[in-house]
């Protein structure tokens, strides 16, 4: 492993190319997670939370082969090559000719770009990075999980524990192995502080309004961000996410009331939240990733 790491770090173009290919592969896997995980949760626990039914005829227990979400035709391996298959098929299923969601190619390219950026960030600061390949891989996976959280929460207002809790554990492990800037103790304190801050805000809102304004998934996600990014990052992430969420929520509220004259039932009301509530996770994710890109200008990833 050490020899491979040395070879990669001594050949940046090769390293970037390999990480780009790995990013495309992980992006394809991320698409599977985003599309199948909510369906599987509905299958295991029932649709008690009012999850919107996805247009996904796949058997959630059939994790072996991918199928077209429209006609349920089993896909060949040639149909599953990241980006290239989507382009070759012109965004259509080879069997039924129905359009394939642009989510596939967009997410694959986003994850690929993130993998390459993390690698570039390590290459740009070689003298301050203790474990170059491990650091690039750790932060690449961090971004991949966050993008999955963003897309699932944006559609379902759901942040599954199967994503947020492992992300938290990975952050603590990364700090213990010097893959993040802060120590293990600092990572634990940051995660605890992040959890306490959002839990307090959610509790105070519930006590004063008798309504739930924030889900537990947001609190766990913020704690995971604290474990990875440290205490200094938390105020900026929370401030940016709050401002962005407020602006988008206000615009959305204005449009809905302008069109119908009243607020119609939404996914939020299905969950027992305020009818004006929006998914907060996507804004936390976007601000966390933006912070990580900007902070790279002043300090290394680890």
C-alpha atoms as a PDB file:
ATOM      1  CA  UNK A   1       0.000   0.000   0.000  1.00  0.00           C
ATOM      2  CA  UNK A   2       2.866   2.334   0.872  1.00  0.00           C
ATOM      3  CA  UNK A   3       4.562   1.668  -2.467  1.00  0.00           C
ATOM      4  CA  UNK A   4       1.324   2.314  -4.371  1.00  0.00           C
ATOM      5  CA  UNK A   5       0.769   5.532  -2.435  1.00  0.00           C
ATOM      6  CA  UNK A   6       4.288   6.685  -3.244  1.00  0.00           C
ATOM      7  CA  UNK A   7       3.807   5.917  -6.935  1.00  0.00           C
ATOM      8  CA  UNK A   8       0.544   7.845  -7.063  1.00  0.00           C
ATOM      9  CA  UNK A   9       1.841  10.884  -5.202  1.00  0.00           C
ATOM     10  CA  UNK A  10       4.882  11.006  -7.478  1.00  0.00           C
ATOM     11  CA  UNK A  11       2.663  11.010 -10.584  1.00  0.00           C
ATOM     12  CA  UNK A  12      -0.145  13.564 -10.049  1.00  0.00           C
ATOM     13  CA  UNK A  13      -1.751  13.219 -13.530  1.00  0.00           C
ATOM     14  CA  UNK A  14      -2.086   9.454 -13.097  1.00  0.00           C
ATOM     15  CA  UNK A  15      -3.432   9.906  -9.579  1.00  0.00           C
ATOM     16  CA  UNK A  16      -6.031  12.426 -10.753  1.00  0.00           C
ATOM     17  CA  UNK A  17      -7.095  10.156 -13.618  1.00  0.00           C
ATOM     18  CA  UNK A  18      -7.493   7.110 -11.376  1.00  0.00           C
ATOM     19  CA  UNK A  19      -9.434   9.091  -8.786  1.00  0.00           C
ATOM     20  CA  UNK A  20     -11.646  10.458 -11.538  1.00  0.00           C
ATOM     21  CA  UNK A  21     -12.476   6.919 -12.694  1.00  0.00           C
ATOM     22  CA  UNK A  22     -13.096   5.847  -9.115  1.00  0.00           C
ATOM     23  CA  UNK A  23     -15.326   8.889  -8.676  1.00  0.00           C
ATOM     24  CA  UNK A  24     -17.424   7.905 -11.691  1.00  0.00           C
ATOM     25  CA  UNK A  25     -17.842   4.414 -10.261  1.00  0.00           C
ATOM     26  CA  UNK A  26     -18.795   5.723  -6.833  1.00  0.00           C
ATOM     27  CA  UNK A  27     -21.152   8.212  -8.475  1.00  0.00           C
ATOM     28  CA  UNK A  28     -22.952   5.321 -10.152  1.00  0.00           C
ATOM     29  CA  UNK A  29     -23.208   3.565  -6.784  1.00  0.00           C
ATOM     30  CA  UNK A  30     -24.483   6.801  -5.204  1.00  0.00           C
ATOM     31  CA  UNK A  31     -27.315   6.837  -7.757  1.00  0.00           C
ATOM     32  CA  UNK A  32     -28.330   3.371  -6.592  1.00  0.00           C
ATOM     33  CA  UNK A  33     -28.304   4.548  -2.972  1.00  0.00           C
ATOM     34  CA  UNK A  34     -30.389   7.641  -3.706  1.00  0.00           C
ATOM     35  CA  UNK A  35     -32.992   5.741  -5.712  1.00  0.00           C
ATOM     36  CA  UNK A  36     -33.188   2.482  -3.759  1.00  0.00           C
ATOM     37  CA  UNK A  37     -32.543   3.335  -0.117  1.00  0.00           C
ATOM     38  CA  UNK A  38     -35.832   5.217   0.502  1.00  0.00           C
ATOM     39  CA  UNK A  39     -37.747   2.428  -1.259  1.00  0.00           C
ATOM     40  CA  UNK A  40     -36.022  -0.175   0.882  1.00  0.00           C
ATOM     41  CA  UNK A  41     -36.824   1.775   4.044  1.00  0.00           C
ATOM     42  CA  UNK A  42     -40.481   1.859   3.031  1.00  0.00           C
ATOM     43  CA  UNK A  43     -40.382  -1.886   2.439  1.00  0.00           C
ATOM     44  CA  UNK A  44     -38.792  -2.642   5.820  1.00  0.00           C
ATOM     45  CA  UNK A  45     -40.629  -0.200   8.054  1.00  0.00           C
ATOM     46  CA  UNK A  46     -43.768   0.571   6.075  1.00  0.00           C
ATOM     47  CA  UNK A  47     -44.729   3.936   4.662  1.00  0.00           C
ATOM     48  CA  UNK A  48     -45.658   5.238   8.115  1.00  0.00           C
ATOM     49  CA  UNK A  49     -43.838   8.507   7.564  1.00  0.00           C
ATOM     50  CA  UNK A  50     -45.810   9.313   4.439  1.00  0.00           C
ATOM     51  CA  UNK A  51     -42.904   8.932   2.040  1.00  0.00           C
ATOM     52  CA  UNK A  52     -43.937   9.791  -1.502  1.00  0.00           C
ATOM     53  CA  UNK A  53     -44.093   6.717  -3.674  1.00  0.00           C
ATOM     54  CA  UNK A  54     -41.145   6.636  -6.025  1.00  0.00           C
ATOM     55  CA  UNK A  55     -41.498   5.523  -9.631  1.00  0.00           C
ATOM     56  CA  UNK A  56     -39.285   2.532  -8.948  1.00  0.00           C
ATOM     57  CA  UNK A  57     -40.671  -0.926  -9.739  1.00  0.00           C
ATOM     58  CA  UNK A  58     -37.446  -2.644  -8.622  1.00  0.00           C
ATOM     59  CA  UNK A  59     -37.861  -5.149  -5.846  1.00  0.00           C
ATOM     60  CA  UNK A  60     -36.039  -3.415  -2.976  1.00  0.00           C
ATOM     61  CA  UNK A  61     -34.766  -6.799  -1.821  1.00  0.00           C
ATOM     62  CA  UNK A  62     -33.259  -7.518  -5.233  1.00  0.00           C
ATOM     63  CA  UNK A  63     -29.900  -5.820  -4.856  1.00  0.00           C
ATOM     64  CA  UNK A  64     -28.103  -7.990  -7.428  1.00  0.00           C
ATOM     65  CA  UNK A  65     -29.081  -6.492 -10.768  1.00  0.00           C
ATOM     66  CA  UNK A  66     -30.216  -3.050 -11.872  1.00  0.00           C
ATOM     67  CA  UNK A  67     -33.399  -2.569 -13.851  1.00  0.00           C
ATOM     68  CA  UNK A  68     -35.002   0.189 -15.859  1.00  0.00           C
ATOM     69  CA  UNK A  69     -37.212   2.262 -13.509  1.00  0.00           C
ATOM     70  CA  UNK A  70     -39.848   2.521 -16.256  1.00  0.00           C
ATOM     71  CA  UNK A  71     -40.224  -0.970 -17.774  1.00  0.00           C
ATOM     72  CA  UNK A  72     -38.363  -3.014 -15.138  1.00  0.00           C
ATOM     73  CA  UNK A  73     -36.177  -4.582 -17.822  1.00  0.00           C
ATOM     74  CA  UNK A  74     -32.933  -6.000 -16.443  1.00  0.00           C
ATOM     75  CA  UNK A  75     -30.004  -3.874 -17.582  1.00  0.00           C
ATOM     76  CA  UNK A  76     -26.887  -5.271 -19.231  1.00  0.00           C
ATOM     77  CA  UNK A  77     -23.446  -4.374 -17.952  1.00  0.00           C
ATOM     78  CA  UNK A  78     -22.983  -2.280 -21.092  1.00  0.00           C
ATOM     79  CA  UNK A  79     -25.915  -0.145 -19.946  1.00  0.00           C
ATOM     80  CA  UNK A  80     -24.277   0.566 -16.589  1.00  0.00           C
ATOM     81  CA  UNK A  81     -20.984   2.178 -17.598  1.00  0.00           C
ATOM     82  CA  UNK A  82     -20.914   5.569 -15.828  1.00  0.00           C
ATOM     83  CA  UNK A  83     -21.641   8.548 -18.110  1.00  0.00           C
ATOM     84  CA  UNK A  84     -20.747   6.680 -21.329  1.00  0.00           C
ATOM     85  CA  UNK A  85     -23.808   4.423 -21.269  1.00  0.00           C
ATOM     86  CA  UNK A  86     -26.140   7.363 -20.645  1.00  0.00           C
ATOM     87  CA  UNK A  87     -24.594   9.281 -23.551  1.00  0.00           C
ATOM     88  CA  UNK A  88     -24.539   6.267 -25.880  1.00  0.00           C
ATOM     89  CA  UNK A  89     -28.205   5.549 -25.168  1.00  0.00           C
ATOM     90  CA  UNK A  90     -29.021   9.268 -25.500  1.00  0.00           C
ATOM     91  CA  UNK A  91     -30.642   9.262 -22.102  1.00  0.00           C
ATOM     92  CA  UNK A  92     -33.124   6.518 -23.027  1.00  0.00           C
ATOM     93  CA  UNK A  93     -33.685   2.937 -21.948  1.00  0.00           C
ATOM     94  CA  UNK A  94     -32.380   0.523 -24.592  1.00  0.00           C
ATOM     95  CA  UNK A  95     -35.510  -1.617 -24.178  1.00  0.00           C
ATOM     96  CA  UNK A  96     -38.520   0.686 -23.761  1.00  0.00           C
ATOM     97  CA  UNK A  97     -36.950   3.915 -25.104  1.00  0.00           C
ATOM     98  CA  UNK A  98     -38.336   5.890 -22.163  1.00  0.00           C
ATOM     99  CA  UNK A  99     -36.236   8.769 -20.850  1.00  0.00           C
ATOM    100  CA  UNK A 100     -33.706   7.955 -18.134  1.00  0.00           C
ATOM    101  CA  UNK A 101     -33.412  10.504 -15.347  1.00  0.00           C
ATOM    102  CA  UNK A 102     -30.596  13.022 -15.728  1.00  0.00           C
ATOM    103  CA  UNK A 103     -29.856  12.318 -12.064  1.00  0.00           C
ATOM    104  CA  UNK A 104     -27.612   9.442 -13.125  1.00  0.00           C
ATOM    105  CA  UNK A 105     -25.198  11.408 -15.258  1.00  0.00           C
ATOM    106  CA  UNK A 106     -25.314  14.550 -13.089  1.00  0.00           C
ATOM    107  CA  UNK A 107     -24.530  12.687  -9.866  1.00  0.00           C
ATOM    108  CA  UNK A 108     -21.812  10.612 -11.529  1.00  0.00           C
ATOM    109  CA  UNK A 109     -20.120  13.761 -12.807  1.00  0.00           C
ATOM    110  CA  UNK A 110     -20.507  15.569  -9.477  1.00  0.00           C
ATOM    111  CA  UNK A 111     -18.931  12.721  -7.520  1.00  0.00           C
ATOM    112  CA  UNK A 112     -16.171  12.420 -10.127  1.00  0.00           C
ATOM    113  CA  UNK A 113     -15.439  16.148  -9.846  1.00  0.00           C
ATOM    114  CA  UNK A 114     -15.391  15.931  -6.042  1.00  0.00           C
ATOM    115  CA  UNK A 115     -12.962  12.986  -6.069  1.00  0.00           C
ATOM    116  CA  UNK A 116     -10.640  14.891  -8.393  1.00  0.00           C
ATOM    117  CA  UNK A 117     -10.887  18.073  -6.319  1.00  0.00           C
ATOM    118  CA  UNK A 118      -9.980  16.224  -3.113  1.00  0.00           C
ATOM    119  CA  UNK A 119      -6.993  14.702  -4.893  1.00  0.00           C
ATOM    120  CA  UNK A 120      -5.932  18.087  -6.240  1.00  0.00           C
ATOM    121  CA  UNK A 121      -6.257  19.604  -2.761  1.00  0.00           C
ATOM    122  CA  UNK A 122      -3.819  17.000  -1.427  1.00  0.00           C
ATOM    123  CA  UNK A 123      -1.443  17.378  -4.376  1.00  0.00           C
ATOM    124  CA  UNK A 124      -1.376  21.161  -3.914  1.00  0.00           C
ATOM    125  CA  UNK A 125      -0.181  20.837  -0.301  1.00  0.00           C
ATOM    126  CA  UNK A 126       2.076  17.748  -0.241  1.00  0.00           C
ATOM    127  CA  UNK A 127       4.309  18.866   2.615  1.00  0.00           C
ATOM    128  CA  UNK A 128       1.430  19.342   5.064  1.00  0.00           C
ATOM    129  CA  UNK A 129      -0.498  16.158   4.226  1.00  0.00           C
ATOM    130  CA  UNK A 130       0.529  13.207   6.399  1.00  0.00           C
ATOM    131  CA  UNK A 131      -1.299  10.420   4.540  1.00  0.00           C
ATOM    132  CA  UNK A 132      -1.965  11.692   0.987  1.00  0.00           C
ATOM    133  CA  UNK A 133      -3.915   8.823  -0.588  1.00  0.00           C
ATOM    134  CA  UNK A 134      -5.890   7.999   2.556  1.00  0.00           C
ATOM    135  CA  UNK A 135      -6.745  11.675   3.070  1.00  0.00           C
ATOM    136  CA  UNK A 136      -7.961  12.086  -0.511  1.00  0.00           C
ATOM    137  CA  UNK A 137     -10.052   8.911  -0.289  1.00  0.00           C
ATOM    138  CA  UNK A 138     -11.543   9.815   3.095  1.00  0.00           C
ATOM    139  CA  UNK A 139     -12.679  13.278   2.032  1.00  0.00           C
ATOM    140  CA  UNK A 140     -13.876  11.930  -1.320  1.00  0.00           C
ATOM    141  CA  UNK A 141     -16.155   9.466   0.460  1.00  0.00           C
ATOM    142  CA  UNK A 142     -17.278  12.233   2.829  1.00  0.00           C
ATOM    143  CA  UNK A 143     -18.519  14.271  -0.119  1.00  0.00           C
ATOM    144  CA  UNK A 144     -20.166  11.257  -1.744  1.00  0.00           C
ATOM    145  CA  UNK A 145     -22.203  10.451   1.359  1.00  0.00           C
ATOM    146  CA  UNK A 146     -23.164  14.112   1.716  1.00  0.00           C
ATOM    147  CA  UNK A 147     -24.425  14.277  -1.869  1.00  0.00           C
ATOM    148  CA  UNK A 148     -26.570  11.193  -1.201  1.00  0.00           C
ATOM    149  CA  UNK A 149     -27.966  12.896   1.905  1.00  0.00           C
ATOM    150  CA  UNK A 150     -28.677  16.059  -0.073  1.00  0.00           C
ATOM    151  CA  UNK A 151     -30.668  14.335  -2.805  1.00  0.00           C
ATOM    152  CA  UNK A 152     -32.619  12.013  -0.504  1.00  0.00           C
ATOM    153  CA  UNK A 153     -33.530  14.819   1.900  1.00  0.00           C
ATOM    154  CA  UNK A 154     -34.479  17.172  -0.933  1.00  0.00           C
ATOM    155  CA  UNK A 155     -36.977  14.648  -2.305  1.00  0.00           C
ATOM    156  CA  UNK A 156     -38.215  12.828   0.789  1.00  0.00           C
ATOM    157  CA  UNK A 157     -37.359  15.165   3.697  1.00  0.00           C
ATOM    158  CA  UNK A 158     -35.527  12.165   5.111  1.00  0.00           C
ATOM    159  CA  UNK A 159     -31.962  11.737   6.375  1.00  0.00           C
ATOM    160  CA  UNK A 160     -31.519   8.002   7.013  1.00  0.00           C
ATOM    161  CA  UNK A 161     -29.511   6.885  10.036  1.00  0.00           C
ATOM    162  CA  UNK A 162     -27.756   4.417   7.753  1.00  0.00           C
ATOM    163  CA  UNK A 163     -26.038   7.425   6.149  1.00  0.00           C
ATOM    164  CA  UNK A 164     -25.688  10.000   8.928  1.00  0.00           C
ATOM    165  CA  UNK A 165     -24.473   7.738  11.737  1.00  0.00           C
ATOM    166  CA  UNK A 166     -21.728   5.985   9.710  1.00  0.00           C
ATOM    167  CA  UNK A 167     -20.667   9.430   8.476  1.00  0.00           C
ATOM    168  CA  UNK A 168     -20.318  10.522  12.097  1.00  0.00           C
ATOM    169  CA  UNK A 169     -18.323   7.396  12.965  1.00  0.00           C
ATOM    170  CA  UNK A 170     -16.109   7.888   9.910  1.00  0.00           C
ATOM    171  CA  UNK A 171     -15.384  11.444  11.018  1.00  0.00           C
ATOM    172  CA  UNK A 172     -14.274  10.316  14.458  1.00  0.00           C
ATOM    173  CA  UNK A 173     -12.134   7.562  12.931  1.00  0.00           C
ATOM    174  CA  UNK A 174     -10.621   9.980  10.413  1.00  0.00           C
ATOM    175  CA  UNK A 175      -9.618  12.376  13.182  1.00  0.00           C
ATOM    176  CA  UNK A 176      -8.107   9.518  15.201  1.00  0.00           C
ATOM    177  CA  UNK A 177      -5.942   8.571  12.201  1.00  0.00           C
ATOM    178  CA  UNK A 178      -4.895  12.157  11.349  1.00  0.00           C
ATOM    179  CA  UNK A 179      -6.987  12.401   8.188  1.00  0.00           C
ATOM    180  CA  UNK A 180      -8.686  15.601   9.401  1.00  0.00           C
ATOM    181  CA  UNK A 181      -7.123  18.776  10.859  1.00  0.00           C
ATOM    182  CA  UNK A 182      -8.441  18.310  14.405  1.00  0.00           C
ATOM    183  CA  UNK A 183      -7.523  15.736  17.030  1.00  0.00           C
ATOM    184  CA  UNK A 184      -9.825  12.902  18.064  1.00  0.00           C
ATOM    185  CA  UNK A 185     -10.746  14.754  21.270  1.00  0.00           C
ATOM    186  CA  UNK A 186     -11.542  17.924  19.331  1.00  0.00           C
ATOM    187  CA  UNK A 187     -13.601  15.915  16.848  1.00  0.00           C
ATOM    188  CA  UNK A 188     -15.665  14.394  19.668  1.00  0.00           C
ATOM    189  CA  UNK A 189     -16.215  17.822  21.218  1.00  0.00           C
ATOM    190  CA  UNK A 190     -17.215  19.341  17.875  1.00  0.00           C
ATOM    191  CA  UNK A 191     -19.696  16.552  17.167  1.00  0.00           C
ATOM    192  CA  UNK A 192     -21.196  16.899  20.639  1.00  0.00           C
ATOM    193  CA  UNK A 193     -21.426  20.678  20.368  1.00  0.00           C
ATOM    194  CA  UNK A 194     -23.071  20.457  16.944  1.00  0.00           C
ATOM    195  CA  UNK A 195     -25.638  17.958  18.203  1.00  0.00           C
ATOM    196  CA  UNK A 196     -26.375  20.053  21.307  1.00  0.00           C
ATOM    197  CA  UNK A 197     -26.823  23.304  19.367  1.00  0.00           C
ATOM    198  CA  UNK A 198     -29.346  21.956  16.859  1.00  0.00           C
ATOM    199  CA  UNK A 199     -31.126  19.842  19.485  1.00  0.00           C
ATOM    200  CA  UNK A 200     -31.544  22.953  21.656  1.00  0.00           C
ATOM    201  CA  UNK A 201     -32.862  24.995  18.736  1.00  0.00           C
ATOM    202  CA  UNK A 202     -35.324  22.253  17.768  1.00  0.00           C
ATOM    203  CA  UNK A 203     -36.459  21.784  21.372  1.00  0.00           C
ATOM    204  CA  UNK A 204     -36.997  25.508  21.960  1.00  0.00           C
ATOM    205  CA  UNK A 205     -38.979  25.803  18.733  1.00  0.00           C
ATOM    206  CA  UNK A 206     -41.174  22.870  19.728  1.00  0.00           C
ATOM    207  CA  UNK A 207     -41.784  24.253  23.221  1.00  0.00           C
ATOM    208  CA  UNK A 208     -42.736  27.715  21.966  1.00  0.00           C
ATOM    209  CA  UNK A 209     -44.846  26.705  18.954  1.00  0.00           C
ATOM    210  CA  UNK A 210     -45.920  23.141  19.807  1.00  0.00           C
ATOM    211  CA  UNK A 211     -44.738  22.167  16.327  1.00  0.00           C
ATOM    212  CA  UNK A 212     -41.719  20.246  15.101  1.00  0.00           C
ATOM    213  CA  UNK A 213     -39.475  22.486  13.040  1.00  0.00           C
ATOM    214  CA  UNK A 214     -36.458  20.226  12.615  1.00  0.00           C
ATOM    215  CA  UNK A 215     -35.975  16.496  12.238  1.00  0.00           C
ATOM    216  CA  UNK A 216     -33.533  14.298  14.124  1.00  0.00           C
ATOM    217  CA  UNK A 217     -31.725  13.590  10.865  1.00  0.00           C
ATOM    218  CA  UNK A 218     -30.620  17.222  10.595  1.00  0.00           C
ATOM    219  CA  UNK A 219     -29.174  17.062  14.113  1.00  0.00           C
ATOM    220  CA  UNK A 220     -27.241  13.866  13.383  1.00  0.00           C
ATOM    221  CA  UNK A 221     -25.973  15.253  10.077  1.00  0.00           C
ATOM    222  CA  UNK A 222     -24.746  18.438  11.749  1.00  0.00           C
ATOM    223  CA  UNK A 223     -22.981  16.350  14.406  1.00  0.00           C
ATOM    224  CA  UNK A 224     -21.261  14.388  11.638  1.00  0.00           C
ATOM    225  CA  UNK A 225     -20.132  17.636  10.017  1.00  0.00           C
ATOM    226  CA  UNK A 226     -18.715  18.728  13.355  1.00  0.00           C
ATOM    227  CA  UNK A 227     -16.745  15.490  13.655  1.00  0.00           C
ATOM    228  CA  UNK A 228     -15.200  16.020  10.230  1.00  0.00           C
ATOM    229  CA  UNK A 229     -14.763  19.773   9.965  1.00  0.00           C
ATOM    230  CA  UNK A 230     -14.248  20.910  13.529  1.00  0.00           C
ATOM    231  CA  UNK A 231     -15.721  23.528  15.806  1.00  0.00           C
ATOM    232  CA  UNK A 232     -14.548  26.516  13.746  1.00  0.00           C
ATOM    233  CA  UNK A 233     -16.605  25.419  10.753  1.00  0.00           C
ATOM    234  CA  UNK A 234     -19.915  24.954  12.547  1.00  0.00           C
ATOM    235  CA  UNK A 235     -21.010  28.623  12.930  1.00  0.00           C
ATOM    236  CA  UNK A 236     -20.318  29.352   9.255  1.00  0.00           C
ATOM    237  CA  UNK A 237     -22.105  26.230   8.051  1.00  0.00           C
ATOM    238  CA  UNK A 238     -25.129  26.856  10.268  1.00  0.00           C
ATOM    239  CA  UNK A 239     -25.295  30.546   9.353  1.00  0.00           C
ATOM    240  CA  UNK A 240     -25.011  29.888   5.627  1.00  0.00           C
ATOM    241  CA  UNK A 241     -27.538  27.055   5.699  1.00  0.00           C
ATOM    242  CA  UNK A 242     -29.996  29.126   7.747  1.00  0.00           C
ATOM    243  CA  UNK A 243     -29.763  32.116   5.420  1.00  0.00           C
ATOM    244  CA  UNK A 244     -30.095  29.993   2.289  1.00  0.00           C
ATOM    245  CA  UNK A 245     -32.982  28.007   3.751  1.00  0.00           C
ATOM    246  CA  UNK A 246     -34.764  31.178   4.846  1.00  0.00           C
ATOM    247  CA  UNK A 247     -34.492  32.773   1.407  1.00  0.00           C
ATOM    248  CA  UNK A 248     -35.591  29.650  -0.464  1.00  0.00           C
ATOM    249  CA  UNK A 249     -38.387  28.995   2.031  1.00  0.00           C
ATOM    250  CA  UNK A 250     -39.683  32.551   1.747  1.00  0.00           C
ATOM    251  CA  UNK A 251     -39.681  32.423  -2.049  1.00  0.00           C
ATOM    252  CA  UNK A 252     -41.399  29.021  -2.054  1.00  0.00           C
ATOM    253  CA  UNK A 253     -44.010  30.209   0.461  1.00  0.00           C
ATOM    254  CA  UNK A 254     -44.723  33.317  -1.623  1.00  0.00           C
ATOM    255  CA  UNK A 255     -45.160  31.285  -4.809  1.00  0.00           C
ATOM    256  CA  UNK A 256     -47.501  28.757  -3.191  1.00  0.00           C
ATOM    257  CA  UNK A 257     -49.731  31.390  -1.614  1.00  0.00           C
ATOM    258  CA  UNK A 258     -49.732  33.459  -4.807  1.00  0.00           C
ATOM    259  CA  UNK A 259     -50.905  30.472  -6.856  1.00  0.00           C
ATOM    260  CA  UNK A 260     -53.505  28.980  -4.505  1.00  0.00           C
ATOM    261  CA  UNK A 261     -54.177  31.697  -1.940  1.00  0.00           C
ATOM    262  CA  UNK A 262     -53.422  29.211   0.838  1.00  0.00           C
ATOM    263  CA  UNK A 263     -50.857  26.606   1.815  1.00  0.00           C
ATOM    264  CA  UNK A 264     -51.652  23.136   0.510  1.00  0.00           C
ATOM    265  CA  UNK A 265     -50.659  19.922   2.322  1.00  0.00           C
ATOM    266  CA  UNK A 266     -47.013  19.092   1.753  1.00  0.00           C
ATOM    267  CA  UNK A 267     -44.490  16.420   2.616  1.00  0.00           C
ATOM    268  CA  UNK A 268     -43.796  18.466   5.770  1.00  0.00           C
ATOM    269  CA  UNK A 269     -47.380  18.170   6.990  1.00  0.00           C
ATOM    270  CA  UNK A 270     -47.268  14.411   6.356  1.00  0.00           C
ATOM    271  CA  UNK A 271     -44.394  14.269   8.841  1.00  0.00           C
ATOM    272  CA  UNK A 272     -46.182  16.403  11.416  1.00  0.00           C
ATOM    273  CA  UNK A 273     -43.985  19.423  10.713  1.00  0.00           C
ATOM    274  CA  UNK A 274     -44.916  23.005  10.028  1.00  0.00           C
ATOM    275  CA  UNK A 275     -46.562  23.320   6.604  1.00  0.00           C
ATOM    276  CA  UNK A 276     -43.903  25.890   5.683  1.00  0.00           C
ATOM    277  CA  UNK A 277     -41.030  23.605   6.696  1.00  0.00           C
ATOM    278  CA  UNK A 278     -38.387  22.775   4.114  1.00  0.00           C
ATOM    279  CA  UNK A 279     -35.644  20.182   4.021  1.00  0.00           C
ATOM    280  CA  UNK A 280     -32.694  21.686   5.912  1.00  0.00           C
ATOM    281  CA  UNK A 281     -30.198  18.932   5.113  1.00  0.00           C
ATOM    282  CA  UNK A 282     -29.426  20.082   1.550  1.00  0.00           C
ATOM    283  CA  UNK A 283     -28.397  23.521   2.789  1.00  0.00           C
ATOM    284  CA  UNK A 284     -26.177  22.027   5.489  1.00  0.00           C
ATOM    285  CA  UNK A 285     -24.535  19.830   2.858  1.00  0.00           C
ATOM    286  CA  UNK A 286     -23.998  22.620   0.338  1.00  0.00           C
ATOM    287  CA  UNK A 287     -22.566  24.989   2.929  1.00  0.00           C
ATOM    288  CA  UNK A 288     -20.329  22.284   4.397  1.00  0.00           C
ATOM    289  CA  UNK A 289     -18.879  21.389   1.003  1.00  0.00           C
ATOM    290  CA  UNK A 290     -18.487  25.044   0.027  1.00  0.00           C
ATOM    291  CA  UNK A 291     -16.728  25.729   3.326  1.00  0.00           C
ATOM    292  CA  UNK A 292     -14.349  22.841   2.700  1.00  0.00           C
ATOM    293  CA  UNK A 293     -13.465  24.153  -0.750  1.00  0.00           C
ATOM    294  CA  UNK A 294     -12.897  27.700   0.489  1.00  0.00           C
ATOM    295  CA  UNK A 295     -10.953  26.695   3.594  1.00  0.00           C
ATOM    296  CA  UNK A 296      -8.559  24.725   1.385  1.00  0.00           C
ATOM    297  CA  UNK A 297      -7.136  28.080   0.331  1.00  0.00           C
ATOM    298  CA  UNK A 298      -5.776  28.617   3.848  1.00  0.00           C
ATOM    299  CA  UNK A 299      -5.096  25.132   5.259  1.00  0.00           C
ATOM    300  CA  UNK A 300      -4.680  21.474   4.192  1.00  0.00           C
ATOM    301  CA  UNK A 301      -7.348  18.784   4.393  1.00  0.00           C
ATOM    302  CA  UNK A 302      -5.581  17.139   7.328  1.00  0.00           C
END
